[in-house]
Amino acid sequence: MQYHCYPWALDETLKFKPSVGQLMDLCEENYRLIHDLAPDIQHLRGKLVSAQPSHQDLHLEILEQSRYTTLIHLTYFFDNTQCPDPDVVLRVYHDSRQVEVIDLKQSSFTVLNSYSHPGLLIKWKINLFIYKWLNYCKHQNHQFSASKPDSQKLTKIPSFN
């Protein structure tokens, strides 16, 4: 099921070699989705949980907050385990409206930290995964907001380290 109509068909995006500009466009889309999930992201602090009926709780931790960037950790904890999956650290650039994937751990997706060829293709696939996951979270009505404490529960959750 596809929720958002992005200009690329999924099978086509996995076949072609992206340009730096196309990767930046995808990072901008991820920024938009992060702001849909956390409109007040620059004012959030600590660990937050978005709980929606019949859906997995989404955990957000603000790791670092500065004027131009926010470093966040986003994950699920399935079956009440201490093992997060997917487990992603993102840097949100407020001035350029981009999201950079700093780290990603996911049980069926291996991340390689490579800046040489095919580094661009790997970054593309990672950002495409993040795009799909954020879109999925958005359509489950997850949201983190400093002004809506009733839409999230503040709980003691396991450390992400």
C-alpha atoms as a PDB file:
ATOM      1  CA  MET A   1       0.000   0.000   0.000  1.00  0.00           C
ATOM      2  CA  GLN A   2       1.430   3.340  -0.996  1.00  0.00           C
ATOM      3  CA  TYR A   3       0.351   6.352   1.040  1.00  0.00           C
ATOM      4  CA  HIS A   4       2.251   9.176  -0.558  1.00  0.00           C
ATOM      5  CA  CYS A   5       2.622   9.732  -4.268  1.00  0.00           C
ATOM      6  CA  TYR A   6       6.290  10.558  -4.729  1.00  0.00           C
ATOM      7  CA  PRO A   7       7.374  11.275  -8.323  1.00  0.00           C
ATOM      8  CA  TRP A   8       9.356   8.010  -8.538  1.00  0.00           C
ATOM      9  CA  ALA A   9       7.943   4.502  -8.769  1.00  0.00           C
ATOM     10  CA  LEU A  10       9.614   2.267  -6.182  1.00  0.00           C
ATOM     11  CA  ASP A  11      10.888  -0.341  -8.648  1.00  0.00           C
ATOM     12  CA  GLU A  12      12.394   2.382 -10.848  1.00  0.00           C
ATOM     13  CA  THR A  13      14.206   4.004  -7.923  1.00  0.00           C
ATOM     14  CA  LEU A  14      15.985   0.764  -7.135  1.00  0.00           C
ATOM     15  CA  LYS A  15      17.200   0.359 -10.739  1.00  0.00           C
ATOM     16  CA  PHE A  16      18.723   3.726 -11.618  1.00  0.00           C
ATOM     17  CA  LYS A  17      21.805   5.525 -10.352  1.00  0.00           C
ATOM     18  CA  PRO A  18      20.744   8.656  -8.465  1.00  0.00           C
ATOM     19  CA  SER A  19      22.426  12.024  -8.745  1.00  0.00           C
ATOM     20  CA  VAL A  20      23.475  14.160  -5.792  1.00  0.00           C
ATOM     21  CA  GLY A  21      20.549  16.471  -6.581  1.00  0.00           C
ATOM     22  CA  GLN A  22      18.073  13.594  -6.441  1.00  0.00           C
ATOM     23  CA  LEU A  23      19.532  12.487  -3.091  1.00  0.00           C
ATOM     24  CA  MET A  24      19.129  16.034  -1.775  1.00  0.00           C
ATOM     25  CA  ASP A  25      15.490  16.047  -2.953  1.00  0.00           C
ATOM     26  CA  LEU A  26      14.897  12.833  -1.018  1.00  0.00           C
ATOM     27  CA  CYS A  27      16.579  14.328   2.088  1.00  0.00           C
ATOM     28  CA  GLU A  28      14.203  17.305   1.770  1.00  0.00           C
ATOM     29  CA  GLU A  29      11.218  14.934   1.623  1.00  0.00           C
ATOM     30  CA  ASN A  30      12.494  13.228   4.780  1.00  0.00           C
ATOM     31  CA  TYR A  31      12.741  16.647   6.449  1.00  0.00           C
ATOM     32  CA  ARG A  32       9.106  17.351   5.562  1.00  0.00           C
ATOM     33  CA  LEU A  33       8.056  13.994   7.016  1.00  0.00           C
ATOM     34  CA  ILE A  34      10.032  14.570  10.231  1.00  0.00           C
ATOM     35  CA  HIS A  35       8.239  17.906  10.613  1.00  0.00           C
ATOM     36  CA  ASP A  36       4.896  16.195  10.047  1.00  0.00           C
ATOM     37  CA  LEU A  37       5.749  13.779  12.885  1.00  0.00           C
ATOM     38  CA  ALA A  38       7.337  16.405  15.158  1.00  0.00           C
ATOM     39  CA  PRO A  39       6.249  19.935  14.179  1.00  0.00           C
ATOM     40  CA  ASP A  40       7.866  21.409  17.319  1.00  0.00           C
ATOM     41  CA  ILE A  41      11.091  19.449  16.934  1.00  0.00           C
ATOM     42  CA  GLN A  42      13.267  22.454  17.819  1.00  0.00           C
ATOM     43  CA  HIS A  43      11.467  22.727  21.184  1.00  0.00           C
ATOM     44  CA  LEU A  44      11.334  19.043  22.128  1.00  0.00           C
ATOM     45  CA  ARG A  45      13.674  17.609  24.769  1.00  0.00           C
ATOM     46  CA  GLY A  46      14.428  14.167  26.139  1.00  0.00           C
ATOM     47  CA  LYS A  47      12.657  10.907  25.398  1.00  0.00           C
ATOM     48  CA  LEU A  48       9.123  10.815  24.005  1.00  0.00           C
ATOM     49  CA  VAL A  49       6.781   8.030  22.936  1.00  0.00           C
ATOM     50  CA  SER A  50       3.950   8.351  20.439  1.00  0.00           C
ATOM     51  CA  ALA A  51       1.277   5.741  21.157  1.00  0.00           C
ATOM     52  CA  GLN A  52      -1.510   5.074  18.676  1.00  0.00           C
ATOM     53  CA  PRO A  53      -4.195   2.415  19.209  1.00  0.00           C
ATOM     54  CA  SER A  54      -3.484  -0.825  17.305  1.00  0.00           C
ATOM     55  CA  HIS A  55      -0.018   0.372  16.270  1.00  0.00           C
ATOM     56  CA  GLN A  56       3.488  -0.050  17.559  1.00  0.00           C
ATOM     57  CA  ASP A  57       4.690   2.758  19.873  1.00  0.00           C
ATOM     58  CA  LEU A  58       7.167   5.064  18.161  1.00  0.00           C
ATOM     59  CA  HIS A  59      10.072   6.203  20.363  1.00  0.00           C
ATOM     60  CA  LEU A  60      11.880   9.506  19.818  1.00  0.00           C
ATOM     61  CA  GLU A  61      14.874  10.773  21.744  1.00  0.00           C
ATOM     62  CA  ILE A  62      16.368  14.212  21.253  1.00  0.00           C
ATOM     63  CA  LEU A  63      20.103  13.563  21.510  1.00  0.00           C
ATOM     64  CA  GLU A  64      21.336  17.071  20.683  1.00  0.00           C
ATOM     65  CA  GLN A  65      19.627  20.378  20.108  1.00  0.00           C
ATOM     66  CA  SER A  66      21.250  23.468  18.572  1.00  0.00           C
ATOM     67  CA  ARG A  67      20.065  26.527  16.691  1.00  0.00           C
ATOM     68  CA  TYR A  68      20.448  24.995  13.233  1.00  0.00           C
ATOM     69  CA  THR A  69      20.358  21.245  13.856  1.00  0.00           C
ATOM     70  CA  THR A  70      18.652  18.595  15.946  1.00  0.00           C
ATOM     71  CA  LEU A  71      20.064  15.107  16.408  1.00  0.00           C
ATOM     72  CA  ILE A  72      17.320  12.545  16.988  1.00  0.00           C
ATOM     73  CA  HIS A  73      17.009   8.839  17.620  1.00  0.00           C
ATOM     74  CA  LEU A  74      13.862   7.156  16.294  1.00  0.00           C
ATOM     75  CA  THR A  75      12.850   3.523  16.795  1.00  0.00           C
ATOM     76  CA  TYR A  76      10.291   0.862  17.643  1.00  0.00           C
ATOM     77  CA  PHE A  77      10.648  -1.736  20.414  1.00  0.00           C
ATOM     78  CA  PHE A  78       8.825  -4.875  19.272  1.00  0.00           C
ATOM     79  CA  ASP A  79       7.370  -7.473  21.640  1.00  0.00           C
ATOM     80  CA  ASN A  80       8.451  -5.527  24.724  1.00  0.00           C
ATOM     81  CA  THR A  81      12.092  -6.341  23.994  1.00  0.00           C
ATOM     82  CA  GLN A  82      15.054  -4.124  24.610  1.00  0.00           C
ATOM     83  CA  CYS A  83      16.068  -4.509  20.953  1.00  0.00           C
ATOM     84  CA  PRO A  84      15.170  -1.500  18.772  1.00  0.00           C
ATOM     85  CA  ASP A  85      14.243  -2.111  15.109  1.00  0.00           C
ATOM     86  CA  PRO A  86      14.487  -0.134  12.910  1.00  0.00           C
ATOM     87  CA  ASP A  87      16.925   1.954  14.891  1.00  0.00           C
ATOM     88  CA  VAL A  88      17.945   5.236  13.272  1.00  0.00           C
ATOM     89  CA  VAL A  89      19.880   8.345  14.240  1.00  0.00           C
ATOM     90  CA  LEU A  90      19.049  11.375  12.093  1.00  0.00           C
ATOM     91  CA  ARG A  91      20.475  14.876  11.960  1.00  0.00           C
ATOM     92  CA  VAL A  92      17.779  17.406  11.097  1.00  0.00           C
ATOM     93  CA  TYR A  93      19.155  20.557   9.427  1.00  0.00           C
ATOM     94  CA  HIS A  94      16.627  23.319  10.063  1.00  0.00           C
ATOM     95  CA  ASP A  95      18.335  25.957   7.905  1.00  0.00           C
ATOM     96  CA  SER A  96      18.685  23.834   4.750  1.00  0.00           C
ATOM     97  CA  ARG A  97      15.575  21.727   5.469  1.00  0.00           C
ATOM     98  CA  GLN A  98      17.361  18.411   5.054  1.00  0.00           C
ATOM     99  CA  VAL A  99      17.679  15.199   7.045  1.00  0.00           C
ATOM    100  CA  GLU A 100      20.927  13.235   7.113  1.00  0.00           C
ATOM    101  CA  VAL A 101      21.000   9.594   8.161  1.00  0.00           C
ATOM    102  CA  ILE A 102      23.820   9.272  10.701  1.00  0.00           C
ATOM    103  CA  ASP A 103      23.271   5.632  11.597  1.00  0.00           C
ATOM    104  CA  LEU A 104      20.735   2.941  10.737  1.00  0.00           C
ATOM    105  CA  LYS A 105      20.371  -0.523  12.165  1.00  0.00           C
ATOM    106  CA  GLN A 106      17.579  -2.638  10.778  1.00  0.00           C
ATOM    107  CA  SER A 107      17.288  -6.412  10.856  1.00  0.00           C
ATOM    108  CA  SER A 108      16.934  -6.909   7.087  1.00  0.00           C
ATOM    109  CA  PHE A 109      18.911  -3.930   5.785  1.00  0.00           C
ATOM    110  CA  THR A 110      22.677  -3.697   6.105  1.00  0.00           C
ATOM    111  CA  VAL A 111      24.175  -0.223   6.214  1.00  0.00           C
ATOM    112  CA  LEU A 112      27.636   0.374   4.847  1.00  0.00           C
ATOM    113  CA  ASN A 113      29.476   3.569   5.744  1.00  0.00           C
ATOM    114  CA  SER A 114      31.072   4.143   2.371  1.00  0.00           C
ATOM    115  CA  TYR A 115      31.757   7.464   0.717  1.00  0.00           C
ATOM    116  CA  SER A 116      33.431   5.922  -2.323  1.00  0.00           C
ATOM    117  CA  HIS A 117      31.534   4.438  -5.249  1.00  0.00           C
ATOM    118  CA  PRO A 118      28.814   3.128  -4.723  1.00  0.00           C
ATOM    119  CA  GLY A 119      28.449   5.432  -1.670  1.00  0.00           C
ATOM    120  CA  LEU A 120      25.825   7.595  -3.372  1.00  0.00           C
ATOM    121  CA  LEU A 121      23.714   4.547  -4.242  1.00  0.00           C
ATOM    122  CA  ILE A 122      23.941   3.250  -0.655  1.00  0.00           C
ATOM    123  CA  LYS A 123      22.924   6.655   0.741  1.00  0.00           C
ATOM    124  CA  TRP A 124      20.046   6.700  -1.742  1.00  0.00           C
ATOM    125  CA  LYS A 125      18.756   3.302  -0.595  1.00  0.00           C
ATOM    126  CA  ILE A 126      19.101   4.230   3.090  1.00  0.00           C
ATOM    127  CA  ASN A 127      17.239   7.508   2.598  1.00  0.00           C
ATOM    128  CA  LEU A 128      14.577   5.759   0.531  1.00  0.00           C
ATOM    129  CA  PHE A 129      14.061   3.294   3.392  1.00  0.00           C
ATOM    130  CA  ILE A 130      13.795   6.204   5.871  1.00  0.00           C
ATOM    131  CA  TYR A 131      11.341   7.975   3.549  1.00  0.00           C
ATOM    132  CA  LYS A 132       9.084   4.906   3.393  1.00  0.00           C
ATOM    133  CA  TRP A 133       9.261   4.315   7.155  1.00  0.00           C
ATOM    134  CA  LEU A 134       8.565   7.954   8.075  1.00  0.00           C
ATOM    135  CA  ASN A 135       5.633   7.977   5.663  1.00  0.00           C
ATOM    136  CA  TYR A 136       4.309   4.807   7.288  1.00  0.00           C
ATOM    137  CA  CYS A 137       4.639   6.362  10.775  1.00  0.00           C
ATOM    138  CA  LYS A 138       2.864   9.509   9.592  1.00  0.00           C
ATOM    139  CA  HIS A 139      -0.062   7.526   8.236  1.00  0.00           C
ATOM    140  CA  GLN A 140      -0.371   5.697  11.553  1.00  0.00           C
ATOM    141  CA  ASN A 141      -0.980   9.195  12.997  1.00  0.00           C
ATOM    142  CA  HIS A 142       2.161   9.221  15.126  1.00  0.00           C
ATOM    143  CA  GLN A 143       3.093  12.691  16.306  1.00  0.00           C
ATOM    144  CA  PHE A 144       5.385  14.278  18.865  1.00  0.00           C
ATOM    145  CA  SER A 145       4.447  17.740  20.055  1.00  0.00           C
ATOM    146  CA  ALA A 146       5.394  19.936  22.994  1.00  0.00           C
ATOM    147  CA  SER A 147       1.888  21.434  22.899  1.00  0.00           C
ATOM    148  CA  LYS A 148      -0.026  18.111  22.831  1.00  0.00           C
ATOM    149  CA  PRO A 149       1.066  16.026  25.804  1.00  0.00           C
ATOM    150  CA  ASP A 150      -2.081  13.878  25.533  1.00  0.00           C
ATOM    151  CA  SER A 151      -1.003  12.554  22.103  1.00  0.00           C
ATOM    152  CA  GLN A 152       2.136  11.040  23.529  1.00  0.00           C
ATOM    153  CA  LYS A 153       3.070   9.337  26.704  1.00  0.00           C
ATOM    154  CA  LEU A 154       6.211  10.196  28.597  1.00  0.00           C
ATOM    155  CA  THR A 155       7.641   7.014  29.999  1.00  0.00           C
ATOM    156  CA  LYS A 156      10.915   5.628  31.183  1.00  0.00           C
ATOM    157  CA  ILE A 157      12.159   3.784  28.134  1.00  0.00           C
ATOM    158  CA  PRO A 158      15.347   1.816  27.579  1.00  0.00           C
ATOM    159  CA  SER A 159      18.484   3.726  26.742  1.00  0.00           C
ATOM    160  CA  PHE A 160      19.287   3.745  23.021  1.00  0.00           C
ATOM    161  CA  ASN A 161      23.009   3.185  23.625  1.00  0.00           C
END
